[in-house]
Amino acid sequence: MDAICNKIRTSFSKQGFMKTLGAQLENIDRGEVSISCSLNEGVSQQNGFFHAGVLVSICDSACGYAALTTMPLEADVLSVEFKINLLRPSNCDQILAVGTVLKAGKTLTICEGEVKDKDSGKLLAKMTATMISIQKNG
């Protein structure tokens, strides 16, 4: 598991968009990854809440990395499809997205993601996602 954790940390550090959002990798376990993000002007919408795109982005990454924990070390992952339900305004200081593998297959992995208010634990959004295992060329 150490090798996959290192691979995920390295991959996450290369994601320019996660840096732009100020997202932080919180936890990596087999089949589960969590990512947090703090509210700032750059990630807010017109009412001062987190922009929905931020919730979608960190939840997608959490699901993708959760899927990667179940794949061979030489594999990489891409999103194939996802659906998200935004359940309430994200009027909080920090959000936490947790991606969890529901079923890992040889090619496709099905995940669910939850985005919560990190302080209160209130559920803000729920995602279902399909990830594909790919082999890097060269």
N, C-alpha and C. Protein backbone atom coordinates (compact mmCIF):
# COMPACT_ATOMS: atom_id res chain seq x y z
N MET A 1 0.83 -1.19 0.00
CA MET A 1 0.00 0.00 0.00
C MET A 1 0.87 1.26 0.00
N ASP A 2 2.08 1.17 0.55
CA ASP A 2 2.96 2.34 0.59
C ASP A 2 3.28 2.85 -0.82
N ALA A 3 3.50 1.94 -1.75
CA ALA A 3 3.84 2.34 -3.12
C ALA A 3 2.68 3.07 -3.78
N ILE A 4 1.46 2.58 -3.58
CA ILE A 4 0.31 3.25 -4.19
C ILE A 4 0.05 4.59 -3.51
N CYS A 5 0.26 4.68 -2.21
CA CYS A 5 0.11 5.97 -1.50
C CYS A 5 1.09 6.99 -2.06
N ASN A 6 2.33 6.58 -2.26
CA ASN A 6 3.34 7.47 -2.83
C ASN A 6 2.96 7.88 -4.25
N LYS A 7 2.46 6.92 -5.03
CA LYS A 7 2.04 7.22 -6.40
C LYS A 7 0.92 8.25 -6.39
N ILE A 8 -0.06 8.09 -5.50
CA ILE A 8 -1.18 9.03 -5.43
C ILE A 8 -0.72 10.40 -4.97
N ARG A 9 0.14 10.45 -3.97
CA ARG A 9 0.66 11.75 -3.50
C ARG A 9 1.41 12.48 -4.62
N THR A 10 2.22 11.73 -5.37
CA THR A 10 2.97 12.32 -6.49
C THR A 10 2.02 12.81 -7.56
N SER A 11 1.04 11.99 -7.91
CA SER A 11 0.06 12.36 -8.93
C SER A 11 -0.72 13.61 -8.50
N PHE A 12 -1.19 13.61 -7.25
CA PHE A 12 -1.96 14.75 -6.75
C PHE A 12 -1.14 16.03 -6.80
N SER A 13 0.15 15.94 -6.48
CA SER A 13 1.01 17.14 -6.49
C SER A 13 1.20 17.70 -7.89
N LYS A 14 0.94 16.90 -8.92
CA LYS A 14 1.06 17.35 -10.31
C LYS A 14 -0.23 17.96 -10.86
N GLN A 15 -1.31 17.89 -10.09
CA GLN A 15 -2.59 18.42 -10.55
C GLN A 15 -2.65 19.93 -10.33
N GLY A 16 -2.43 20.66 -11.39
CA GLY A 16 -2.47 22.11 -11.31
C GLY A 16 -3.81 22.65 -10.84
N PHE A 17 -4.89 21.99 -11.25
CA PHE A 17 -6.21 22.48 -10.86
C PHE A 17 -6.44 22.33 -9.37
N MET A 18 -5.97 21.23 -8.79
CA MET A 18 -6.11 21.05 -7.34
C MET A 18 -5.31 22.13 -6.60
N LYS A 19 -4.14 22.47 -7.14
CA LYS A 19 -3.35 23.57 -6.55
C LYS A 19 -4.10 24.88 -6.65
N THR A 20 -4.72 25.13 -7.80
CA THR A 20 -5.49 26.36 -7.99
C THR A 20 -6.61 26.46 -6.97
N LEU A 21 -7.27 25.33 -6.71
CA LEU A 21 -8.37 25.32 -5.74
C LEU A 21 -7.88 25.39 -4.30
N GLY A 22 -6.61 25.06 -4.07
CA GLY A 22 -6.09 24.98 -2.71
C GLY A 22 -6.49 23.68 -2.03
N ALA A 23 -6.81 22.66 -2.82
CA ALA A 23 -7.23 21.37 -2.28
C ALA A 23 -6.05 20.63 -1.67
N GLN A 24 -6.34 19.85 -0.64
CA GLN A 24 -5.32 19.09 0.08
C GLN A 24 -5.73 17.63 0.15
N LEU A 25 -4.79 16.75 -0.12
CA LEU A 25 -5.00 15.32 0.04
C LEU A 25 -4.98 15.03 1.54
N GLU A 26 -6.06 14.47 2.06
CA GLU A 26 -6.19 14.25 3.50
C GLU A 26 -5.84 12.83 3.92
N ASN A 27 -6.38 11.84 3.19
CA ASN A 27 -6.21 10.46 3.64
C ASN A 27 -6.27 9.51 2.45
N ILE A 28 -5.46 8.45 2.52
CA ILE A 28 -5.45 7.40 1.49
C ILE A 28 -5.52 6.06 2.19
N ASP A 29 -6.56 5.30 1.89
CA ASP A 29 -6.69 3.91 2.34
C ASP A 29 -7.11 3.09 1.13
N ARG A 30 -6.95 1.80 1.20
CA ARG A 30 -7.40 0.96 0.09
C ARG A 30 -8.90 1.15 -0.09
N GLY A 31 -9.28 1.63 -1.27
CA GLY A 31 -10.69 1.82 -1.59
C GLY A 31 -11.29 3.11 -1.10
N GLU A 32 -10.49 3.99 -0.49
CA GLU A 32 -11.05 5.25 0.01
C GLU A 32 -9.98 6.35 0.06
N VAL A 33 -10.33 7.51 -0.49
CA VAL A 33 -9.43 8.67 -0.47
C VAL A 33 -10.25 9.91 -0.13
N SER A 34 -9.66 10.79 0.67
CA SER A 34 -10.35 12.04 1.02
C SER A 34 -9.49 13.25 0.67
N ILE A 35 -10.17 14.31 0.24
CA ILE A 35 -9.55 15.56 -0.18
C ILE A 35 -10.34 16.71 0.44
N SER A 36 -9.64 17.70 0.96
CA SER A 36 -10.31 18.86 1.56
C SER A 36 -10.00 20.13 0.78
N CYS A 37 -10.81 21.14 1.04
CA CYS A 37 -10.62 22.44 0.41
C CYS A 37 -11.18 23.50 1.34
N SER A 38 -10.45 24.59 1.52
CA SER A 38 -10.89 25.70 2.36
C SER A 38 -11.50 26.80 1.50
N LEU A 39 -12.51 27.45 2.05
CA LEU A 39 -13.20 28.52 1.34
C LEU A 39 -12.29 29.74 1.21
N ASN A 40 -12.25 30.29 0.01
CA ASN A 40 -11.59 31.57 -0.24
C ASN A 40 -12.30 32.20 -1.43
N GLU A 41 -12.00 33.44 -1.70
CA GLU A 41 -12.69 34.16 -2.78
C GLU A 41 -12.57 33.45 -4.13
N GLY A 42 -11.46 32.80 -4.35
CA GLY A 42 -11.23 32.14 -5.63
C GLY A 42 -12.07 30.91 -5.89
N VAL A 43 -12.68 30.33 -4.85
CA VAL A 43 -13.49 29.12 -5.02
C VAL A 43 -14.96 29.36 -4.68
N SER A 44 -15.33 30.62 -4.48
CA SER A 44 -16.70 30.94 -4.09
C SER A 44 -17.55 31.35 -5.30
N GLN A 45 -18.86 31.28 -5.09
CA GLN A 45 -19.79 31.78 -6.10
C GLN A 45 -20.36 33.11 -5.59
N GLN A 46 -21.35 33.64 -6.30
CA GLN A 46 -21.83 35.00 -6.04
C GLN A 46 -22.45 35.21 -4.66
N ASN A 47 -22.88 34.13 -3.99
CA ASN A 47 -23.47 34.25 -2.66
C ASN A 47 -22.48 33.96 -1.54
N GLY A 48 -21.23 33.70 -1.91
CA GLY A 48 -20.20 33.43 -0.92
C GLY A 48 -20.05 31.97 -0.55
N PHE A 49 -20.86 31.08 -1.15
CA PHE A 49 -20.74 29.65 -0.91
C PHE A 49 -19.62 29.09 -1.79
N PHE A 50 -19.19 27.87 -1.50
CA PHE A 50 -18.31 27.17 -2.43
C PHE A 50 -19.03 27.05 -3.77
N HIS A 51 -18.33 27.27 -4.85
CA HIS A 51 -18.89 27.06 -6.18
C HIS A 51 -19.12 25.56 -6.38
N ALA A 52 -20.23 25.20 -7.01
CA ALA A 52 -20.54 23.79 -7.25
C ALA A 52 -19.42 23.08 -8.00
N GLY A 53 -18.74 23.78 -8.89
CA GLY A 53 -17.64 23.18 -9.64
C GLY A 53 -16.50 22.71 -8.75
N VAL A 54 -16.32 23.36 -7.62
CA VAL A 54 -15.28 22.94 -6.67
C VAL A 54 -15.68 21.61 -6.03
N LEU A 55 -16.93 21.51 -5.61
CA LEU A 55 -17.41 20.26 -5.02
C LEU A 55 -17.27 19.12 -6.02
N VAL A 56 -17.69 19.36 -7.26
CA VAL A 56 -17.59 18.33 -8.30
C VAL A 56 -16.14 17.93 -8.52
N SER A 57 -15.25 18.89 -8.61
CA SER A 57 -13.85 18.61 -8.93
C SER A 57 -13.14 17.82 -7.85
N ILE A 58 -13.30 18.21 -6.60
CA ILE A 58 -12.57 17.47 -5.56
C ILE A 58 -13.21 16.10 -5.32
N CYS A 59 -14.52 16.00 -5.52
CA CYS A 59 -15.17 14.70 -5.35
C CYS A 59 -14.76 13.75 -6.47
N ASP A 60 -14.68 14.25 -7.70
CA ASP A 60 -14.22 13.44 -8.83
C ASP A 60 -12.80 12.94 -8.58
N SER A 61 -11.92 13.81 -8.10
CA SER A 61 -10.55 13.39 -7.81
C SER A 61 -10.49 12.38 -6.68
N ALA A 62 -11.29 12.58 -5.64
CA ALA A 62 -11.31 11.63 -4.53
C ALA A 62 -11.77 10.25 -5.01
N CYS A 63 -12.79 10.22 -5.86
CA CYS A 63 -13.27 8.94 -6.41
C CYS A 63 -12.21 8.30 -7.30
N GLY A 64 -11.59 9.11 -8.14
CA GLY A 64 -10.56 8.58 -9.04
C GLY A 64 -9.39 7.98 -8.29
N TYR A 65 -8.93 8.68 -7.27
CA TYR A 65 -7.81 8.15 -6.49
C TYR A 65 -8.22 6.94 -5.65
N ALA A 66 -9.46 6.92 -5.16
CA ALA A 66 -9.94 5.74 -4.45
C ALA A 66 -9.91 4.53 -5.38
N ALA A 67 -10.36 4.73 -6.62
CA ALA A 67 -10.32 3.65 -7.61
C ALA A 67 -8.89 3.21 -7.87
N LEU A 68 -7.98 4.17 -7.96
CA LEU A 68 -6.58 3.85 -8.24
C LEU A 68 -5.97 2.95 -7.16
N THR A 69 -6.45 3.07 -5.93
CA THR A 69 -5.92 2.23 -4.85
C THR A 69 -6.22 0.76 -5.07
N THR A 70 -7.18 0.44 -5.94
CA THR A 70 -7.55 -0.96 -6.18
C THR A 70 -6.96 -1.49 -7.48
N MET A 71 -6.23 -0.67 -8.21
CA MET A 71 -5.70 -1.05 -9.51
C MET A 71 -4.23 -1.46 -9.40
N PRO A 72 -3.72 -2.17 -10.40
CA PRO A 72 -2.29 -2.51 -10.38
C PRO A 72 -1.43 -1.25 -10.32
N LEU A 73 -0.26 -1.36 -9.74
CA LEU A 73 0.61 -0.21 -9.54
C LEU A 73 0.96 0.49 -10.85
N GLU A 74 1.06 -0.24 -11.94
CA GLU A 74 1.42 0.37 -13.23
C GLU A 74 0.24 1.05 -13.92
N ALA A 75 -0.96 0.89 -13.41
CA ALA A 75 -2.16 1.47 -14.03
C ALA A 75 -2.29 2.95 -13.69
N ASP A 76 -3.09 3.63 -14.47
CA ASP A 76 -3.53 4.99 -14.16
C ASP A 76 -5.04 5.00 -14.28
N VAL A 77 -5.65 6.11 -13.96
CA VAL A 77 -7.11 6.16 -13.90
C VAL A 77 -7.63 7.40 -14.60
N LEU A 78 -8.79 7.25 -15.22
CA LEU A 78 -9.52 8.38 -15.81
C LEU A 78 -10.99 8.23 -15.47
N SER A 79 -11.67 9.36 -15.35
CA SER A 79 -13.12 9.34 -15.15
C SER A 79 -13.79 9.00 -16.47
N VAL A 80 -14.78 8.13 -16.40
CA VAL A 80 -15.59 7.78 -17.57
C VAL A 80 -16.92 8.51 -17.50
N GLU A 81 -17.49 8.56 -16.30
CA GLU A 81 -18.83 9.14 -16.13
C GLU A 81 -19.03 9.44 -14.66
N PHE A 82 -19.80 10.49 -14.37
CA PHE A 82 -20.24 10.71 -13.00
C PHE A 82 -21.53 11.51 -12.97
N LYS A 83 -22.24 11.36 -11.87
CA LYS A 83 -23.45 12.13 -11.61
C LYS A 83 -23.32 12.63 -10.19
N ILE A 84 -23.69 13.89 -10.01
CA ILE A 84 -23.63 14.45 -8.66
C ILE A 84 -24.95 15.10 -8.32
N ASN A 85 -25.37 14.92 -7.09
CA ASN A 85 -26.53 15.62 -6.55
C ASN A 85 -26.02 16.62 -5.53
N LEU A 86 -26.33 17.88 -5.76
CA LEU A 86 -25.98 18.94 -4.81
C LEU A 86 -27.16 19.06 -3.85
N LEU A 87 -26.94 18.75 -2.59
CA LEU A 87 -28.03 18.59 -1.63
C LEU A 87 -28.36 19.84 -0.83
N ARG A 88 -27.37 20.69 -0.63
CA ARG A 88 -27.60 21.95 0.09
C ARG A 88 -26.48 22.90 -0.23
N PRO A 89 -26.70 24.20 -0.02
CA PRO A 89 -25.61 25.17 -0.27
C PRO A 89 -24.41 24.86 0.63
N SER A 90 -23.24 25.02 0.08
CA SER A 90 -22.01 24.74 0.83
C SER A 90 -21.55 26.02 1.53
N ASN A 91 -22.33 26.41 2.52
CA ASN A 91 -22.09 27.61 3.31
C ASN A 91 -21.26 27.23 4.53
N CYS A 92 -19.97 26.97 4.29
CA CYS A 92 -19.09 26.51 5.36
C CYS A 92 -17.67 26.99 5.06
N ASP A 93 -16.77 26.76 6.00
CA ASP A 93 -15.39 27.21 5.85
C ASP A 93 -14.50 26.20 5.14
N GLN A 94 -14.85 24.92 5.26
CA GLN A 94 -14.01 23.87 4.67
C GLN A 94 -14.89 22.69 4.29
N ILE A 95 -14.58 22.11 3.13
CA ILE A 95 -15.30 20.93 2.68
C ILE A 95 -14.34 19.74 2.63
N LEU A 96 -14.93 18.55 2.76
CA LEU A 96 -14.17 17.30 2.69
C LEU A 96 -14.90 16.37 1.73
N ALA A 97 -14.20 15.94 0.69
CA ALA A 97 -14.74 14.96 -0.25
C ALA A 97 -14.11 13.61 0.05
N VAL A 98 -14.95 12.60 0.14
CA VAL A 98 -14.48 11.24 0.38
C VAL A 98 -14.97 10.36 -0.77
N GLY A 99 -14.03 9.77 -1.47
CA GLY A 99 -14.35 8.83 -2.54
C GLY A 99 -14.17 7.42 -2.03
N THR A 100 -15.15 6.56 -2.31
CA THR A 100 -15.13 5.18 -1.84
C THR A 100 -15.46 4.24 -3.00
N VAL A 101 -14.69 3.18 -3.12
CA VAL A 101 -14.93 2.18 -4.16
C VAL A 101 -16.11 1.29 -3.74
N LEU A 102 -17.07 1.17 -4.65
CA LEU A 102 -18.19 0.25 -4.43
C LEU A 102 -17.91 -1.11 -5.05
N LYS A 103 -17.34 -1.10 -6.27
CA LYS A 103 -16.98 -2.34 -6.96
C LYS A 103 -15.80 -2.08 -7.87
N ALA A 104 -14.73 -2.80 -7.61
CA ALA A 104 -13.52 -2.67 -8.43
C ALA A 104 -13.51 -3.81 -9.44
N GLY A 105 -13.41 -3.45 -10.71
CA GLY A 105 -13.30 -4.43 -11.77
C GLY A 105 -11.94 -4.33 -12.44
N LYS A 106 -11.70 -5.21 -13.40
CA LYS A 106 -10.43 -5.20 -14.11
C LYS A 106 -10.26 -3.92 -14.93
N THR A 107 -11.35 -3.46 -15.54
CA THR A 107 -11.30 -2.26 -16.37
C THR A 107 -12.05 -1.09 -15.75
N LEU A 108 -13.27 -1.32 -15.30
CA LEU A 108 -14.09 -0.26 -14.73
C LEU A 108 -14.24 -0.43 -13.22
N THR A 109 -14.23 0.70 -12.52
CA THR A 109 -14.43 0.71 -11.07
C THR A 109 -15.54 1.70 -10.76
N ILE A 110 -16.51 1.26 -9.97
CA ILE A 110 -17.63 2.10 -9.59
C ILE A 110 -17.38 2.65 -8.19
N CYS A 111 -17.55 3.96 -8.08
CA CYS A 111 -17.29 4.64 -6.80
C CYS A 111 -18.47 5.50 -6.40
N GLU A 112 -18.49 5.83 -5.13
CA GLU A 112 -19.41 6.86 -4.67
C GLU A 112 -18.58 7.91 -3.95
N GLY A 113 -19.06 9.13 -4.03
CA GLY A 113 -18.37 10.22 -3.36
C GLY A 113 -19.34 11.02 -2.52
N GLU A 114 -18.85 11.50 -1.43
CA GLU A 114 -19.63 12.41 -0.59
C GLU A 114 -18.80 13.65 -0.31
N VAL A 115 -19.46 14.80 -0.37
CA VAL A 115 -18.82 16.04 0.03
C VAL A 115 -19.58 16.53 1.26
N LYS A 116 -18.82 16.79 2.31
CA LYS A 116 -19.42 17.22 3.58
C LYS A 116 -18.78 18.51 4.06
N ASP A 117 -19.52 19.23 4.89
CA ASP A 117 -18.95 20.32 5.67
C ASP A 117 -17.98 19.65 6.63
N LYS A 118 -16.70 20.02 6.55
CA LYS A 118 -15.69 19.31 7.34
C LYS A 118 -15.92 19.48 8.84
N ASP A 119 -16.47 20.60 9.27
CA ASP A 119 -16.69 20.83 10.69
C ASP A 119 -17.93 20.13 11.23
N SER A 120 -19.06 20.33 10.56
CA SER A 120 -20.32 19.79 11.08
C SER A 120 -20.63 18.39 10.59
N GLY A 121 -20.00 17.98 9.50
CA GLY A 121 -20.30 16.67 8.92
C GLY A 121 -21.55 16.65 8.07
N LYS A 122 -22.21 17.80 7.89
CA LYS A 122 -23.43 17.83 7.07
C LYS A 122 -23.10 17.46 5.63
N LEU A 123 -23.93 16.59 5.07
CA LEU A 123 -23.75 16.14 3.69
C LEU A 123 -24.19 17.25 2.73
N LEU A 124 -23.27 17.62 1.84
CA LEU A 124 -23.52 18.70 0.88
C LEU A 124 -23.80 18.17 -0.52
N ALA A 125 -23.15 17.07 -0.88
CA ALA A 125 -23.30 16.52 -2.23
C ALA A 125 -22.99 15.03 -2.22
N LYS A 126 -23.59 14.32 -3.18
CA LYS A 126 -23.39 12.88 -3.31
C LYS A 126 -23.12 12.58 -4.79
N MET A 127 -22.07 11.81 -5.05
CA MET A 127 -21.66 11.49 -6.42
C MET A 127 -21.63 9.98 -6.61
N THR A 128 -21.98 9.55 -7.81
CA THR A 128 -21.73 8.20 -8.28
C THR A 128 -20.82 8.34 -9.49
N ALA A 129 -19.74 7.57 -9.53
CA ALA A 129 -18.74 7.75 -10.59
C ALA A 129 -18.24 6.41 -11.10
N THR A 130 -17.91 6.40 -12.39
CA THR A 130 -17.28 5.25 -13.02
C THR A 130 -15.90 5.66 -13.48
N MET A 131 -14.90 4.89 -13.08
CA MET A 131 -13.51 5.15 -13.42
C MET A 131 -12.98 4.01 -14.27
N ILE A 132 -12.05 4.33 -15.16
CA ILE A 132 -11.46 3.31 -16.02
C ILE A 132 -9.97 3.20 -15.73
N SER A 133 -9.49 1.98 -15.69
CA SER A 133 -8.06 1.70 -15.54
C SER A 133 -7.41 1.79 -16.91
N ILE A 134 -6.36 2.57 -17.00
CA ILE A 134 -5.62 2.69 -18.25
C ILE A 134 -4.15 2.36 -18.02
N GLN A 135 -3.51 1.91 -19.06
CA GLN A 135 -2.09 1.63 -19.00
C GLN A 135 -1.35 2.79 -19.68
N LYS A 136 -0.38 3.34 -18.99
CA LYS A 136 0.42 4.41 -19.58
C LYS A 136 1.31 3.85 -20.68
N ASN A 137 1.41 4.57 -21.76
CA ASN A 137 2.31 4.18 -22.87
C ASN A 137 3.65 4.86 -22.67
N GLY A 138 4.70 4.03 -22.59
CA GLY A 138 6.05 4.56 -22.48
C GLY A 138 6.25 5.25 -21.22
